[in-house]
Protein backbone atom coordinates (compact mmCIF):
# COMPACT_ATOMS: atom_id res chain seq x y z
CA MET A 1 31.82 -97.35 3.36
CA SER A 2 27.78 -97.22 4.44
CA GLU A 3 26.34 -95.73 7.75
CA VAL A 4 24.06 -95.93 9.91
CA THR A 5 22.93 -93.68 13.49
CA VAL A 6 21.72 -95.55 16.10
CA THR A 7 19.96 -93.60 18.88
CA ASN A 8 19.70 -95.63 22.81
CA THR A 9 15.82 -94.39 23.81
CA SER A 10 16.22 -96.55 26.60
CA LYS A 11 17.42 -95.00 29.88
CA GLU A 12 20.61 -96.71 30.62
CA ASP A 13 23.77 -97.31 28.45
CA PHE A 14 25.17 -99.64 26.70
CA GLU A 15 28.25 -100.68 24.72
CA ASP A 16 29.49 -104.05 22.38
CA MET A 17 32.55 -104.57 20.54
CA PHE A 18 32.88 -105.59 17.36
CA ASP A 19 36.01 -106.38 14.98
CA GLY A 20 38.26 -104.99 18.02
CA GLU A 21 36.53 -101.82 18.35
CA LEU A 22 33.86 -101.01 21.29
CA PHE A 23 30.97 -99.16 20.21
CA LYS A 24 29.40 -96.72 23.12
CA PHE A 25 25.95 -96.13 23.52
CA PRO A 26 25.24 -93.46 25.35
CA SER A 27 20.94 -93.19 26.47
CA LYS A 28 19.81 -89.92 24.55
CA VAL A 29 22.78 -90.08 22.09
CA ALA A 30 22.97 -90.71 18.25
CA VAL A 31 26.17 -92.72 17.30
CA THR A 32 27.27 -93.02 13.61
CA LEU A 33 28.91 -96.30 13.06
CA PRO A 34 29.12 -98.94 10.62
CA LEU A 35 26.50 -100.90 8.48
CA ILE A 36 28.23 -104.04 8.92
CA ALA A 37 29.03 -103.11 13.06
CA ALA A 38 24.98 -102.27 13.10
CA HIS A 39 24.49 -105.62 11.55
CA HIS A 40 26.56 -107.59 14.23
CA ILE A 41 25.64 -105.93 17.14
CA PHE A 42 21.73 -105.27 16.34
CA GLY A 43 20.55 -107.78 13.71
CA TYR A 44 20.16 -104.28 11.53
CA ASN A 45 18.10 -105.35 8.15
CA GLU A 46 17.22 -108.60 9.47
CA LEU A 47 13.55 -109.43 9.90
CA ASP A 48 14.23 -112.29 12.88
CA LYS A 49 16.25 -110.09 15.90
CA GLU A 50 15.79 -113.67 18.33
CA PRO A 51 19.75 -114.53 17.48
CA TRP A 52 20.96 -110.94 18.18
CA VAL A 53 18.59 -111.32 21.61
CA VAL A 54 20.28 -114.33 22.52
CA ARG A 55 23.63 -113.11 21.60
CA LEU A 56 23.61 -109.76 23.47
CA GLY A 57 22.26 -111.79 27.05
CA TRP A 58 18.75 -110.27 26.83
CA SER A 59 17.19 -113.40 26.22
CA ILE A 60 17.93 -116.87 28.48
CA THR A 61 15.06 -118.87 27.59
CA ARG A 62 12.14 -118.64 25.51
CA ASN A 63 10.09 -117.22 28.39
CA ASP A 64 12.96 -114.18 27.95
CA MET A 65 12.32 -113.20 24.62
CA LYS A 66 9.04 -110.96 24.87
CA ALA A 67 11.26 -108.33 27.28
CA GLY A 68 14.31 -108.93 25.11
CA LEU A 69 12.69 -107.72 21.71
CA GLU A 70 11.54 -105.26 23.80
CA ARG A 71 14.63 -103.74 25.11
CA LEU A 72 16.18 -103.82 21.71
CA SER A 73 13.10 -101.49 19.98
CA LYS A 74 14.93 -98.86 22.43
CA PHE A 75 17.92 -98.69 19.64
CA LYS A 76 16.75 -96.54 16.73
CA PHE A 77 18.16 -96.32 13.41
CA GLU A 78 18.12 -93.95 10.38
CA PRO A 79 20.73 -93.02 7.97
CA PRO A 80 23.22 -90.54 8.95
CA GLU A 81 22.38 -86.79 8.92
CA LYS A 82 22.02 -85.70 5.81
CA SER A 83 24.85 -82.77 6.36
CA GLN A 84 27.22 -85.51 6.59
CA THR A 85 26.69 -86.75 3.37
CA ARG A 86 25.33 -83.31 1.52
CA HIS A 87 28.13 -81.59 -0.79
CA SER A 88 27.92 -78.35 -2.38
CA LEU A 89 27.23 -77.94 -5.44
CA SER A 90 29.56 -75.21 -7.76
CA PRO A 91 27.55 -72.08 -9.29
CA VAL A 92 26.07 -72.88 -12.33
CA VAL A 93 28.18 -70.79 -15.04
CA GLU A 94 25.15 -69.76 -17.37
CA ARG A 95 25.07 -71.71 -20.68
CA VAL A 96 24.98 -68.98 -23.78
CA PRO A 97 24.82 -71.15 -27.60
CA LEU A 98 27.42 -70.87 -29.55
CA SER A 99 27.43 -68.84 -32.97
CA ASP A 100 26.28 -70.70 -36.02
CA PRO A 101 29.33 -71.49 -37.97
CA LYS A 102 27.72 -70.54 -41.15
CA GLY A 103 26.88 -67.34 -40.13
CA SER A 104 23.04 -66.09 -40.29
CA GLY A 105 22.41 -67.04 -43.50
CA GLY A 106 21.14 -63.04 -44.56
CA LYS A 107 23.03 -60.01 -45.33
CA LEU A 108 24.14 -57.67 -42.28
CA ALA A 109 23.08 -54.29 -42.97
CA ILE A 110 24.64 -51.41 -41.60
CA ALA A 111 22.95 -48.44 -41.41
CA PRO A 112 24.76 -45.20 -42.79
CA LEU A 113 26.45 -42.67 -40.74
CA ALA A 114 24.62 -39.85 -40.38
CA THR A 115 26.37 -36.64 -40.76
């Protein structure tokens, strides 16, 4: 499941529900949640945020829309920390080329032993 990290940069804590689960967004704290929850709560990856501002109750009339959109803009989105998605790589074993199965093609000269 893909996730996104949301940081509430406003001075007020915020919470909302998705799929029976309560998500809390304390002020200045990064919270990781599923992409589908971020889309439901904040309209993540949508260009027109107005339906989400209305759903959150931050805009009752058209006159309130600008203030509601400003409030929504206080939530910053980024991929989860790279340390959570990184896996350690196994060390590379030195590769040695295989010998030619036919031999080197020439005769092996062996030096006589010195006596």
